[in-house]
C-alpha cells in the first residue's frame, strides 16, 4: 500500500517537532539536527519537516511506494500525464537511499514518487549532515513542460 508523503520547510525545528508531535500524538520516527519524520498509520502519511534554510512552507508532496512494482506503476501513470519527469536511481536524500521520479504538476508544485531502499547517514549526498546548501532534494522549480506526444 502506498503512503502519502508531505515535506514542509520550517523556521524553528525544535518548536515544530513539539507542535507536530502533539498534533500526531507521537514523537518523530526519525529525528536529526535538521530534519524530523513521522511515519504515521492514522492518517497513513510520511510527514517530514526540515530546517535547512528554505523559505518556510510546503517543500514538496509525494507518494512513497512500498515496492519497486508500485513505483513502476506510479511512473507509468506519470508518463501518461505528459509532464517531463526526472528519474534518480539510488539517490540519497532525507537520510534515506531511494529510487525516485520527480515531476511538477501544472501549477509547478514538485511531486516526488519513490521507493526507499535503506537509511543513510547523511541528509543528501554530501559528506556532512550539516551541509545546508540544499533545503531538500527536490529539483529546482522550472517552467512546467508538457511532453509532445503523437496521437495514434
Protein backbone atom coordinates (compact mmCIF):
# COMPACT_ATOMS: atom_id res chain seq x y z
CA UNK A 1 0.00 0.00 0.00
CA UNK A 2 1.32 3.41 -0.93
CA UNK A 3 1.75 6.21 1.60
CA UNK A 4 1.23 9.94 1.07
CA UNK A 5 4.39 11.98 1.67
CA UNK A 6 4.41 15.65 2.70
CA UNK A 7 7.62 17.62 3.36
CA UNK A 8 7.45 21.08 4.93
CA UNK A 9 10.32 23.53 5.40
CA UNK A 10 10.19 25.08 8.89
CA UNK A 11 11.93 28.02 10.56
CA UNK A 12 12.30 26.50 14.06
CA UNK A 13 12.80 22.74 14.08
CA UNK A 14 12.51 22.07 17.86
CA UNK A 15 9.34 24.15 18.13
CA UNK A 16 7.89 22.44 15.05
CA UNK A 17 8.77 18.97 16.41
CA UNK A 18 6.90 19.81 19.60
CA UNK A 19 3.87 21.04 17.65
CA UNK A 20 3.67 18.09 15.24
CA UNK A 21 4.36 15.53 17.99
CA UNK A 22 1.42 16.97 19.88
CA UNK A 23 -0.77 17.08 16.76
CA UNK A 24 0.03 13.48 15.78
CA UNK A 25 0.16 12.13 19.35
CA UNK A 26 3.57 10.56 18.66
CA UNK A 27 7.24 11.54 18.58
CA UNK A 28 9.13 11.54 15.27
CA UNK A 29 10.22 8.20 13.86
CA UNK A 30 13.44 9.87 12.67
CA UNK A 31 14.94 12.93 14.37
CA UNK A 32 18.13 14.63 13.18
CA UNK A 33 19.56 18.09 13.93
CA UNK A 34 17.97 19.50 10.75
CA UNK A 35 15.16 17.03 9.98
CA UNK A 36 12.33 15.01 11.52
CA UNK A 37 9.93 12.46 10.08
CA UNK A 38 6.75 10.79 11.29
CA UNK A 39 5.66 7.51 9.63
CA UNK A 40 2.01 7.56 10.63
CA UNK A 41 -0.63 4.91 10.08
CA UNK A 42 -3.57 7.12 11.05
CA UNK A 43 -3.60 9.02 8.78
CA UNK A 44 -1.30 6.89 6.58
CA UNK A 45 1.32 9.51 5.78
CA UNK A 46 5.08 10.03 5.73
CA UNK A 47 5.27 13.57 7.13
CA UNK A 48 8.69 15.26 7.17
CA UNK A 49 9.97 18.67 8.24
CA UNK A 50 13.41 20.22 7.80
CA UNK A 51 15.22 23.39 8.80
CA UNK A 52 17.84 23.77 6.08
CA UNK A 53 17.48 27.39 5.02
CA UNK A 54 14.47 27.16 2.72
CA UNK A 55 11.58 29.59 2.99
CA UNK A 56 9.11 28.02 5.46
CA UNK A 57 6.16 26.33 3.81
CA UNK A 58 5.36 23.35 1.62
CA UNK A 59 8.57 21.96 0.12
CA UNK A 60 7.11 19.10 -1.91
CA UNK A 61 4.43 16.42 -1.94
CA UNK A 62 4.94 12.79 -2.80
CA UNK A 63 3.88 9.19 -2.81
CA UNK A 64 6.05 6.60 -1.11
CA UNK A 65 5.82 3.17 -2.78
CA UNK A 66 6.42 0.04 -0.73
CA UNK A 67 7.92 -1.91 -3.63
CA UNK A 68 9.68 -1.49 -6.97
CA UNK A 69 6.49 -2.72 -8.66
CA UNK A 70 4.39 0.01 -7.02
CA UNK A 71 6.98 2.62 -8.05
CA UNK A 72 6.90 1.34 -11.65
CA UNK A 73 3.08 1.56 -11.62
CA UNK A 74 3.22 5.19 -10.46
CA UNK A 75 5.90 6.02 -13.07
CA UNK A 76 3.68 4.59 -15.82
CA UNK A 77 0.85 6.90 -14.70
CA UNK A 78 3.23 9.89 -14.62
CA UNK A 79 4.25 9.10 -18.19
CA UNK A 80 0.56 9.24 -19.18
CA UNK A 81 0.29 12.72 -17.61
CA UNK A 82 2.58 14.02 -20.36
CA UNK A 83 4.77 16.03 -17.99
CA UNK A 84 8.56 15.90 -18.01
CA UNK A 85 9.93 13.64 -15.26
CA UNK A 86 13.33 13.36 -13.63
CA UNK A 87 14.39 9.84 -12.58
CA UNK A 88 17.01 9.25 -9.88
CA UNK A 89 18.27 5.76 -9.02
CA UNK A 90 19.88 5.06 -5.66
CA UNK A 91 19.95 8.72 -4.66
CA UNK A 92 20.49 9.87 -1.08
CA UNK A 93 18.07 12.42 0.35
CA UNK A 94 16.43 12.96 3.73
CA UNK A 95 18.66 10.37 5.42
CA UNK A 96 17.49 7.62 3.04
CA UNK A 97 18.69 5.98 -0.18
CA UNK A 98 15.84 5.72 -2.70
CA UNK A 99 14.87 5.21 -6.30
CA UNK A 100 12.61 8.09 -7.32
CA UNK A 101 10.83 10.00 -10.03
CA UNK A 102 10.15 13.75 -9.81
CA UNK A 103 7.51 15.70 -11.69
CA UNK A 104 6.00 19.15 -11.36
CA UNK A 105 2.23 19.42 -11.57
CA UNK A 106 0.69 22.01 -13.93
CA UNK A 107 0.94 24.63 -11.15
CA UNK A 108 4.66 23.94 -10.66
CA UNK A 109 4.35 22.00 -7.37
CA UNK A 110 7.08 19.36 -7.03
CA UNK A 111 5.84 15.77 -6.65
CA UNK A 112 8.23 13.03 -5.57
CA UNK A 113 7.41 9.36 -6.11
CA UNK A 114 9.89 6.98 -4.53
CA UNK A 115 10.77 3.60 -3.08
CA UNK A 116 13.14 3.70 -0.09
CA UNK A 117 15.98 1.17 -0.33
CA UNK A 118 17.75 1.80 3.01
CA UNK A 119 18.61 4.50 5.55
CA UNK A 120 21.59 6.80 5.00
CA UNK A 121 23.89 8.59 7.50
CA UNK A 122 23.65 11.99 5.75
CA UNK A 123 20.78 14.22 4.59
CA UNK A 124 21.95 14.16 0.97
CA UNK A 125 25.00 13.00 -0.99
CA UNK A 126 27.23 15.47 0.88
CA UNK A 127 29.64 14.02 3.40
CA UNK A 128 28.25 16.02 6.32
CA UNK A 129 24.69 16.05 7.58
CA UNK A 130 25.01 19.75 8.46
CA UNK A 131 25.55 20.86 4.84
CA UNK A 132 22.50 23.10 4.35
CA UNK A 133 23.40 24.08 0.80
CA UNK A 134 20.25 22.31 -0.26
CA UNK A 135 16.98 22.68 1.65
CA UNK A 136 15.68 19.38 0.32
CA UNK A 137 16.44 17.17 -2.61
CA UNK A 138 13.64 18.39 -4.84
CA UNK A 139 14.81 19.62 -8.23
CA UNK A 140 14.85 23.38 -8.64
CA UNK A 141 11.47 24.73 -9.78
CA UNK A 142 11.25 25.13 -13.53
CA UNK A 143 8.66 26.12 -16.04
CA UNK A 144 6.41 23.09 -16.41
CA UNK A 145 6.97 21.38 -19.74
CA UNK A 146 4.46 19.12 -21.36
CA UNK A 147 5.89 16.30 -23.45
CA UNK A 148 4.66 16.36 -27.02
CA UNK A 149 3.06 13.01 -27.80
CA UNK A 150 1.98 11.89 -31.21
CA UNK A 151 -1.60 10.69 -31.29
CA UNK A 152 -2.14 7.26 -32.89
